[in-house]
Protein backbone atom coordinates (compact mmCIF):
# COMPACT_ATOMS: atom_id res chain seq x y z
CA MET A 1 67.50 94.56 109.54
CA THR A 2 65.99 96.89 106.98
CA THR A 3 66.33 100.63 106.80
CA SER A 4 64.36 103.18 104.84
CA PRO A 5 64.40 106.97 104.66
CA SER A 6 61.14 107.11 106.64
CA VAL A 7 62.37 104.89 109.50
CA THR A 8 65.23 106.15 111.64
CA PRO A 9 68.02 103.86 112.85
CA ALA A 10 66.97 104.68 116.43
CA ALA A 11 63.44 103.43 115.74
CA ILE A 12 64.78 100.21 114.22
CA LEU A 13 67.10 99.59 117.18
CA GLU A 14 64.33 100.18 119.71
CA ARG A 15 61.91 97.95 117.83
CA LEU A 16 64.42 95.10 117.55
CA SER A 17 65.48 95.32 121.19
CA ALA A 18 61.83 95.22 122.29
CA ARG A 19 61.35 92.08 120.19
CA LEU A 20 64.45 90.54 121.80
CA GLY A 21 63.30 91.50 125.28
CA CYS A 22 66.33 93.65 126.00
CA LEU A 23 67.39 97.28 126.01
CA PRO A 24 68.99 98.91 122.94
CA THR A 25 72.13 99.29 125.05
CA ASP A 26 72.43 95.56 125.79
CA GLU A 27 75.11 93.41 124.18
CA LYS A 28 72.37 91.03 123.11
CA LEU A 29 71.21 93.49 120.46
CA ALA A 30 74.71 93.90 118.98
CA LEU A 31 75.15 90.13 118.74
CA TYR A 32 71.74 89.76 117.10
CA LEU A 33 72.50 92.49 114.55
CA ASP A 34 75.75 90.76 113.64
CA GLN A 35 74.01 87.42 113.33
CA GLU A 36 71.48 88.92 110.93
CA ASP A 37 74.06 90.92 108.96
CA GLU A 38 74.07 89.71 105.35
CA LEU A 39 77.52 91.25 104.81
CA ARG A 40 79.27 89.74 107.84
CA HIS A 41 81.27 87.33 105.66
CA LEU A 42 83.15 90.24 104.09
CA GLN A 43 85.07 90.90 107.30
CA ALA A 44 87.01 87.70 106.61
CA CYS A 45 88.42 89.35 103.46
CA PHE A 46 90.50 91.76 105.59
CA HIS A 47 93.38 91.64 108.04
CA ILE A 48 92.12 93.02 111.36
CA PRO A 49 94.98 94.33 113.55
CA GLN A 50 95.50 92.65 116.91
CA MET A 51 95.93 94.51 120.17
CA LYS A 52 99.46 93.17 120.67
CA ASP A 53 100.69 94.76 117.44
CA LEU A 54 99.53 98.29 118.18
CA PRO A 55 102.34 100.62 119.32
CA SER A 56 99.98 102.63 121.53
CA ILE A 57 98.59 99.71 123.54
CA ASP A 58 98.87 99.40 127.31
CA PRO A 59 99.07 95.62 127.97
CA SER A 60 97.57 96.08 131.43
CA LEU A 61 94.40 97.51 129.89
CA SER A 62 93.79 95.00 127.09
CA THR A 63 94.09 91.37 126.05
CA ALA A 64 97.01 90.94 123.63
CA GLU A 65 95.34 88.39 121.35
CA ASP A 66 92.11 90.35 120.96
CA LYS A 67 91.38 92.21 117.77
CA ALA A 68 91.70 95.96 117.83
CA ILE A 69 88.59 98.11 117.61
CA TYR A 70 89.46 99.63 114.24
CA LEU A 71 87.30 102.68 113.50
CA LEU A 72 89.68 104.57 111.21
CA GLY A 73 88.56 103.63 107.71
CA ASN A 74 88.05 107.33 107.05
CA SER A 75 91.84 107.76 107.20
CA LEU A 76 93.27 104.39 106.12
CA GLY A 77 91.27 101.33 105.23
CA LEU A 78 92.33 97.87 106.36
CA GLN A 79 94.37 95.57 104.15
CA PRO A 80 92.43 93.10 102.00
CA LYS A 81 93.91 89.63 102.43
CA LYS A 82 94.45 89.19 98.69
CA VAL A 83 96.79 92.19 98.47
CA LYS A 84 99.93 90.25 99.34
CA ALA A 85 99.21 87.51 96.80
CA TYR A 86 98.47 90.03 94.05
CA LEU A 87 101.65 91.96 94.76
CA GLU A 88 103.65 88.73 94.72
CA GLU A 89 102.08 87.83 91.37
CA GLU A 90 103.52 90.95 89.80
CA LEU A 91 106.88 90.67 91.56
CA ASP A 92 107.18 87.04 90.44
CA LYS A 93 106.24 88.01 86.90
CA TRP A 94 108.93 90.70 86.90
CA ALA A 95 111.51 88.29 88.35
CA LYS A 96 110.74 85.45 85.96
CA MET A 97 110.05 87.19 82.65
CA GLY A 98 111.18 90.81 82.90
CA ALA A 99 109.72 93.02 80.18
CA PHE A 100 107.35 90.31 78.94
CA GLY A 101 105.19 91.25 81.94
CA HIS A 102 103.99 94.28 80.01
CA GLU A 103 101.71 92.05 77.95
CA VAL A 104 101.17 88.92 80.06
CA GLY A 105 98.96 87.93 82.99
CA ARG A 106 95.74 89.14 84.57
CA ARG A 107 97.14 92.64 84.83
CA PRO A 108 99.43 93.31 81.85
CA TRP A 109 101.52 96.29 82.89
CA ILE A 110 100.66 98.39 79.85
CA THR A 111 96.91 98.16 80.47
CA GLY A 112 96.75 97.18 84.13
CA ASP A 113 94.65 100.18 85.11
CA GLU A 114 92.19 99.46 82.31
CA CYS A 115 91.87 95.86 83.51
CA ILE A 116 90.38 96.94 86.83
CA VAL A 117 88.58 100.19 85.98
CA GLY A 118 85.36 98.28 85.32
CA LEU A 119 85.23 97.42 89.02
CA MET A 120 85.05 101.14 89.82
CA LYS A 121 82.07 102.07 87.66
CA ASP A 122 79.31 101.03 90.08
CA ILE A 123 81.16 102.51 93.05
CA VAL A 124 81.19 105.99 91.51
CA GLY A 125 78.18 105.63 89.22
CA ALA A 126 79.89 106.25 85.91
CA ASP A 127 80.71 104.64 82.60
CA GLU A 128 84.15 103.03 82.30
CA LYS A 129 85.20 105.62 79.71
CA GLU A 130 84.48 108.39 82.21
CA ILE A 131 86.96 106.99 84.76
CA ALA A 132 90.75 106.94 84.87
CA LEU A 133 92.88 105.38 87.60
CA MET A 134 96.08 107.39 87.89
CA ASN A 135 98.36 109.50 90.08
CA GLY A 136 97.38 110.81 93.51
CA LEU A 137 94.28 112.80 94.34
CA THR A 138 95.85 116.26 94.41
CA VAL A 139 97.80 115.62 91.20
CA ASN A 140 94.53 114.69 89.51
CA LEU A 141 92.81 117.74 90.97
CA HIS A 142 95.50 119.99 89.51
CA LEU A 143 95.21 118.32 86.09
CA LEU A 144 91.43 118.74 86.13
CA LEU A 145 91.53 122.36 87.27
CA LEU A 146 94.06 123.21 84.56
CA SER A 147 91.43 122.21 82.02
CA PHE A 148 88.19 123.28 83.70
CA PHE A 149 89.33 126.53 85.31
CA LYS A 150 89.64 129.03 82.47
CA PRO A 151 89.12 132.41 84.15
CA THR A 152 87.82 135.44 82.29
CA PRO A 153 87.62 139.06 83.47
CA THR A 154 84.04 138.47 84.64
CA ARG A 155 84.10 134.75 85.61
CA TYR A 156 87.24 134.16 87.64
CA ARG A 157 86.34 132.70 91.03
CA ILE A 158 86.45 129.22 92.57
CA LEU A 159 83.90 128.35 95.28
CA LEU A 160 84.78 125.84 98.00
CA GLU A 161 84.13 125.14 101.70
CA ALA A 162 85.91 127.45 104.12
CA LYS A 163 87.44 124.46 105.92
CA ALA A 164 88.18 122.24 102.96
CA PHE A 165 90.94 119.67 103.35
CA PRO A 166 94.27 121.56 103.27
CA SER A 167 95.44 119.91 100.04
CA ASP A 168 92.32 121.11 98.21
CA HIS A 169 92.74 124.59 99.67
CA TYR A 170 96.37 124.75 98.58
CA ALA A 171 95.57 123.38 95.13
CA VAL A 172 92.93 126.05 94.54
CA GLU A 173 95.17 128.76 95.94
CA SER A 174 98.05 127.77 93.65
CA GLN A 175 95.79 127.50 90.59
CA LEU A 176 94.60 131.05 91.18
CA GLN A 177 98.18 132.22 91.60
CA LEU A 178 99.15 130.40 88.40
CA HIS A 179 96.67 132.58 86.54
CA GLY A 180 97.97 135.72 88.23
CA LEU A 181 94.74 136.24 90.18
CA ASP A 182 94.29 137.84 93.58
CA VAL A 183 93.57 134.89 95.90
CA GLN A 184 91.57 137.01 98.35
CA LYS A 185 89.20 138.14 95.60
CA SER A 186 89.07 134.94 93.58
CA MET A 187 88.82 132.26 96.28
CA LEU A 188 85.22 132.29 97.48
CA MET A 189 84.77 130.25 100.66
CA ILE A 190 81.47 129.49 102.34
CA LYS A 191 81.29 129.12 106.12
CA PRO A 192 78.60 127.60 108.35
CA ARG A 193 76.26 129.99 110.10
CA GLU A 194 77.38 131.45 113.41
CA GLY A 195 77.18 128.78 116.11
CA GLU A 196 76.77 125.91 113.61
CA GLU A 197 79.32 123.28 112.57
CA THR A 198 78.01 122.24 109.16
CA LEU A 199 76.82 124.00 106.03
CA ARG A 200 73.15 124.28 105.17
CA THR A 201 72.31 123.26 101.63
CA GLU A 202 70.03 126.27 101.23
CA ASP A 203 72.94 128.57 102.10
CA ILE A 204 75.18 126.92 99.50
CA LEU A 205 72.48 127.23 96.84
CA ALA A 206 71.75 130.83 97.79
CA LEU A 207 75.41 131.77 97.46
CA ILE A 208 75.63 130.08 94.06
CA GLU A 209 72.56 131.99 92.91
CA LYS A 210 73.94 135.27 94.21
CA GLU A 211 77.57 134.98 93.07
CA GLY A 212 77.34 132.37 90.32
CA ASP A 213 77.90 134.75 87.42
CA SER A 214 81.44 135.39 88.69
CA ILE A 215 82.21 131.76 89.58
CA ALA A 216 84.09 129.63 87.05
CA VAL A 217 84.38 126.43 89.10
CA ILE A 218 82.58 125.07 92.15
CA LEU A 219 84.70 122.56 94.04
CA PHE A 220 83.22 120.81 97.06
CA SER A 221 83.97 117.69 99.03
CA GLY A 222 81.51 114.85 98.62
CA VAL A 223 81.86 114.21 102.35
CA GLN A 224 83.55 116.85 104.50
CA PHE A 225 86.70 115.41 106.07
CA TYR A 226 86.30 116.98 109.53
CA THR A 227 82.56 117.08 110.20
CA GLY A 228 81.59 114.05 108.12
CA GLN A 229 78.81 116.02 106.41
CA LEU A 230 77.57 114.52 103.13
CA PHE A 231 76.87 117.35 100.72
CA ASP A 232 73.88 117.33 98.39
CA MET A 233 75.91 116.79 95.24
CA PRO A 234 72.99 116.57 92.78
CA ARG A 235 71.50 119.89 93.90
CA ILE A 236 74.85 121.67 94.06
CA THR A 237 75.66 120.42 90.56
CA LYS A 238 72.31 121.50 89.13
CA ALA A 239 72.47 124.94 90.77
CA GLY A 240 76.05 125.57 89.69
CA GLN A 241 75.53 124.53 86.10
CA ALA A 242 72.38 126.66 85.89
CA LYS A 243 74.63 129.66 86.57
CA GLY A 244 77.17 128.58 83.96
CA CYS A 245 79.73 127.12 86.39
CA PHE A 246 81.66 123.88 86.09
CA VAL A 247 81.02 121.71 89.16
CA GLY A 248 83.53 119.21 90.53
CA PHE A 249 83.95 117.17 93.70
CA ASP A 250 86.76 115.81 95.83
CA LEU A 251 85.38 112.38 96.72
CA ALA A 252 88.18 111.26 99.06
CA HIS A 253 85.75 110.67 101.93
CA ALA A 254 82.76 109.73 99.76
CA VAL A 255 84.00 107.02 97.39
CA GLY A 256 83.32 103.56 98.80
CA ASN A 257 81.41 105.22 101.64
CA VAL A 258 78.18 106.53 100.11
CA GLU A 259 76.29 105.85 96.90
CA LEU A 260 77.44 108.00 93.99
CA ARG A 261 75.82 108.60 90.59
CA LEU A 262 78.29 110.95 88.97
CA HIS A 263 77.06 110.37 85.43
CA ASP A 264 73.36 110.68 86.21
CA TRP A 265 73.92 113.78 88.35
CA GLY A 266 75.76 115.41 85.45
CA VAL A 267 78.83 116.22 87.56
CA ASP A 268 81.48 117.81 85.34
CA PHE A 269 84.55 116.33 87.03
CA ALA A 270 85.63 114.56 90.19
CA CYS A 271 88.68 112.97 91.77
CA TRP A 272 89.33 110.66 94.69
CA CYS A 273 92.00 108.74 96.56
CA SER A 274 91.71 105.01 97.20
CA TYR A 275 93.38 104.40 100.55
CA LYS A 276 90.44 105.33 102.80
CA TYR A 277 87.20 103.47 102.15
CA LEU A 278 88.67 101.77 99.05
CA ASN A 279 91.40 100.08 101.13
CA SER A 280 94.28 100.21 98.64
CA GLY A 281 97.03 101.13 101.12
CA ALA A 282 98.76 104.40 101.97
CA GLY A 283 99.44 106.46 98.85
CA GLY A 284 97.32 104.13 96.73
CA LEU A 285 96.30 104.77 93.14
CA ALA A 286 93.81 107.63 92.81
CA GLY A 287 90.95 108.13 90.38
CA ALA A 288 89.46 110.83 88.20
CA PHE A 289 86.13 111.31 86.44
CA ILE A 290 85.13 113.55 83.54
CA HIS A 291 81.55 113.39 82.28
CA GLU A 292 81.21 112.02 78.77
CA LYS A 293 79.58 115.28 77.63
CA HIS A 294 83.06 116.84 77.83
CA ALA A 295 84.88 113.97 76.08
CA ARG A 296 85.51 115.91 72.86
CA THR A 297 85.67 119.45 74.20
CA VAL A 298 87.68 119.44 77.44
CA LYS A 299 91.28 118.46 76.77
CA PRO A 300 94.29 118.08 79.06
CA ALA A 301 96.57 121.07 79.49
CA LEU A 302 99.51 118.74 80.12
CA VAL A 303 99.94 115.65 77.95
CA GLY A 304 102.00 112.49 78.23
CA TRP A 305 102.54 109.30 76.28
CA PHE A 306 99.72 107.36 77.95
CA GLY A 307 97.17 109.94 76.86
CA HIS A 308 97.84 108.82 73.28
CA ASP A 309 95.41 106.24 71.89
CA LEU A 310 96.70 102.71 72.53
CA GLU A 311 96.05 101.61 68.93
CA THR A 312 98.84 103.87 67.63
CA ARG A 313 100.81 104.63 70.79
CA PHE A 314 103.70 102.33 69.94
CA LYS A 315 104.18 103.60 66.38
CA MET A 316 106.30 106.36 67.96
CA GLU A 317 105.40 108.90 65.27
CA ASN A 318 105.16 111.81 67.72
CA LYS A 319 101.82 112.80 66.23
CA LEU A 320 99.43 112.95 69.15
CA GLN A 321 96.21 111.00 68.81
CA LEU A 322 94.61 111.96 72.10
CA THR A 323 92.29 109.45 73.75
CA PRO A 324 88.94 111.21 74.22
CA GLY A 325 87.76 112.07 77.71
CA VAL A 326 89.49 111.47 81.00
CA ASN A 327 91.78 108.76 79.66
CA GLY A 328 93.52 111.39 77.58
CA PHE A 329 94.59 112.93 80.89
CA ARG A 330 96.77 109.92 81.72
CA ILE A 331 100.41 110.92 81.53
CA SER A 332 102.49 107.89 82.51
CA ASN A 333 102.20 104.13 82.59
CA PRO A 334 100.19 102.67 85.49
CA PRO A 335 102.15 101.71 88.65
CA MET A 336 101.48 98.00 88.74
CA LEU A 337 102.03 97.39 92.45
CA LEU A 338 99.47 100.09 93.23
CA VAL A 339 97.09 98.66 90.62
CA SER A 340 97.42 95.23 92.24
CA ALA A 341 96.61 96.48 95.74
CA LEU A 342 93.56 98.38 94.50
CA HIS A 343 92.44 95.36 92.47
CA ALA A 344 92.34 93.22 95.62
CA SER A 345 90.04 95.67 97.36
CA LEU A 346 87.75 96.30 94.41
CA GLU A 347 87.14 92.57 94.15
CA VAL A 348 85.73 92.66 97.69
CA PHE A 349 83.37 95.47 96.68
CA ASN A 350 82.39 93.34 93.70
CA GLN A 351 80.96 90.73 96.10
CA THR A 352 78.20 93.13 97.12
CA THR A 353 76.67 96.44 96.05
CA MET A 354 77.04 100.02 97.23
CA SER A 355 73.32 99.94 98.03
CA ALA A 356 73.79 96.98 100.39
CA LEU A 357 76.86 98.56 102.00
CA ARG A 358 75.03 101.84 102.48
CA LYS A 359 72.06 100.08 104.03
CA LYS A 360 74.28 98.44 106.64
CA SER A 361 76.30 101.62 107.13
CA ILE A 362 73.24 103.71 108.00
CA LEU A 363 72.27 101.29 110.76
CA LEU A 364 75.85 100.70 111.96
CA THR A 365 76.63 104.41 112.33
CA GLY A 366 73.12 104.96 113.68
CA TYR A 367 73.84 102.38 116.38
CA LEU A 368 77.04 104.19 117.33
CA GLU A 369 75.18 107.50 117.44
CA TYR A 370 72.38 106.01 119.54
CA LEU A 371 74.73 104.64 122.19
CA ILE A 372 76.81 107.82 122.39
CA LYS A 373 73.70 109.95 122.81
CA HIS A 374 72.28 107.52 125.36
CA TYR A 375 75.30 107.71 127.62
CA TYR A 376 76.78 111.10 126.84
CA GLY A 377 74.17 113.35 125.27
CA LYS A 378 74.01 116.74 126.98
CA ASP A 379 70.43 116.07 128.04
CA LYS A 380 71.36 112.69 129.57
CA VAL A 381 74.43 113.35 131.71
CA ASP A 382 74.38 114.68 135.25
CA ARG A 383 75.87 118.05 135.97
CA GLY A 384 79.60 117.81 136.41
CA ARG A 385 79.91 114.65 134.31
CA PRO A 386 81.54 114.83 130.87
CA SER A 387 79.36 115.02 127.78
CA VAL A 388 79.91 114.34 124.08
CA ASN A 389 78.56 116.42 121.22
CA ILE A 390 78.28 114.82 117.78
CA ILE A 391 78.88 117.57 115.22
CA THR A 392 78.14 115.31 112.24
CA PRO A 393 74.59 115.74 110.91
CA SER A 394 72.14 113.39 112.60
CA HIS A 395 70.07 112.70 109.49
CA PRO A 396 71.48 109.54 107.80
CA GLU A 397 71.11 111.10 104.35
CA GLU A 398 73.45 113.93 105.36
CA ARG A 399 76.41 111.79 106.41
CA GLY A 400 78.38 108.67 105.57
CA CYS A 401 80.07 106.27 108.01
CA GLN A 402 81.85 108.93 110.04
CA LEU A 403 80.85 110.61 113.28
CA THR A 404 82.95 113.43 114.68
CA LEU A 405 82.80 113.81 118.45
CA VAL A 406 83.60 116.90 120.50
CA PHE A 407 84.14 116.36 124.22
CA SER A 408 83.43 118.58 127.21
CA ILE A 409 86.77 117.44 128.65
CA PRO A 410 90.19 117.71 126.93
CA MET A 411 90.03 115.71 123.70
CA LYS A 412 93.68 114.68 123.75
CA SER A 413 93.38 112.90 127.09
CA VAL A 414 90.34 110.93 125.88
CA PHE A 415 92.11 110.01 122.65
CA LYS A 416 95.22 108.81 124.48
CA GLU A 417 93.19 106.59 126.80
CA LEU A 418 91.24 105.10 123.90
CA GLU A 419 94.48 104.26 122.11
CA LYS A 420 95.86 102.56 125.21
CA ARG A 421 92.84 100.25 125.16
CA GLY A 422 93.11 99.25 121.51
CA VAL A 423 90.70 101.68 119.89
CA VAL A 424 92.07 102.89 116.55
CA CYS A 425 90.54 106.25 115.65
CA ASP A 426 92.01 109.69 115.06
CA SER A 427 91.94 113.18 116.45
CA ARG A 428 91.69 116.30 114.35
CA GLU A 429 92.30 119.84 115.47
CA PRO A 430 90.77 121.82 116.92
CA SER A 431 88.77 119.43 119.10
CA GLY A 432 87.39 116.44 117.21
CA ILE A 433 87.76 112.67 117.43
CA ARG A 434 86.64 110.93 114.24
CA LEU A 435 85.08 107.47 114.28
CA SER A 436 84.11 105.55 111.16
CA PRO A 437 82.55 102.10 111.48
CA VAL A 438 83.00 100.66 107.98
CA PRO A 439 80.38 98.14 106.82
CA LEU A 440 82.92 96.00 104.93
CA TYR A 441 84.81 94.96 108.05
CA ASN A 442 83.28 96.48 111.18
CA SER A 443 80.61 94.74 113.21
CA PHE A 444 77.89 95.95 115.53
CA HIS A 445 79.78 94.25 118.33
CA ASP A 446 82.80 96.42 117.49
CA VAL A 447 80.61 99.44 118.19
CA PHE A 448 79.31 97.92 121.41
CA LYS A 449 82.86 97.20 122.62
CA PHE A 450 83.98 100.71 121.73
CA ILE A 451 81.21 102.17 123.86
CA GLN A 452 82.23 100.00 126.82
CA ILE A 453 85.81 101.23 126.45
CA LEU A 454 84.63 104.83 126.18
CA ARG A 455 82.60 104.37 129.36
CA SER A 456 85.70 103.11 131.17
CA VAL A 457 87.60 106.20 130.01
CA MET A 458 84.89 108.79 130.67
CA VAL A 459 84.55 108.22 134.41
């Protein structure tokens, strides 16, 4: 079950099915792929929802005790089984010893975030000192922009995708307004070409080359939330910095999904949430990255007690000794219940590597793509029958787990029928249904079962 850039998932699936004496669409292939999956044991680390517990289920269309087909890790990851125990550890500590919990246990409350930050370094490809676990994503984005966006009369613009996630759009808009800038002139947004759904890397680079002298900050998603497109972060970073721009990324849909090498790529700053592919629960503790090259030069615009160096923090002298780098951006003490939930998930990641997860992910999402195209590609369906268009890039190196589907029939009716049958996915306006088979807890048989349900809906 190996993948390489030169061998497509489709070719692997067809080769394996030929060896098994079956078609790529047969259940036999899905079962074989699961049997050979070296990461299959990780599914047992998570709670998988059952059909009977889903509020949208139609009991006449499903078996109550069956597991749901959960394909929504792009929105909210599943709960690691250790979360409850880790939360209870901290609640028991609080109940039994009160304030002594600040300095006792596996996660002392004063340094709880620092106790687990080492588990993040391989996931984002950075040194521990370049990472801080704090706040929520948009709060961190604001803090970073306050320090990296320093407009001048000639360099005053921020470049981002035209359809960035609303929170990013609003954050950029408000930062421009904070500086008294005209949003229409200062917010530079790049759109796909006419008739296309995703951005071409050459168009992004061309715009940076053309307008870069007026751009102060380039802010892109790592993976685009709607289309699932994985942007070429190394090339965007290199091109932006060559024009004198700071380059940052919102990694909400990239962290825990694709391999990242923030330090090696020279990315200036980044931020992410942890409740999607990092499975820390709704509103979980977010993260921020600032490259070590900025550790002594880029300082926080807003400072709090936890940005003060720990060695002298409790002397209470009110003489700021700022921790260098991103840890100086911490404002308040870490929220220990959120730290505990994230800790439980990061320990699951620590049982494998991002390289191994990515390897499985490419084939898992490739399998989903193969089956959808087989049954519902525009060139495969008869006239008058519904078709499905995948707007996510087909090349594995240009996407993560997610596929976004656009239907030739009303999307809302398809979505409703999938929910009735125990498929957990989501719909996004104007016309997309997002599916994300996650290699930590989804199986190839999950994908096979989803396709059978889709076939029962698309009649």
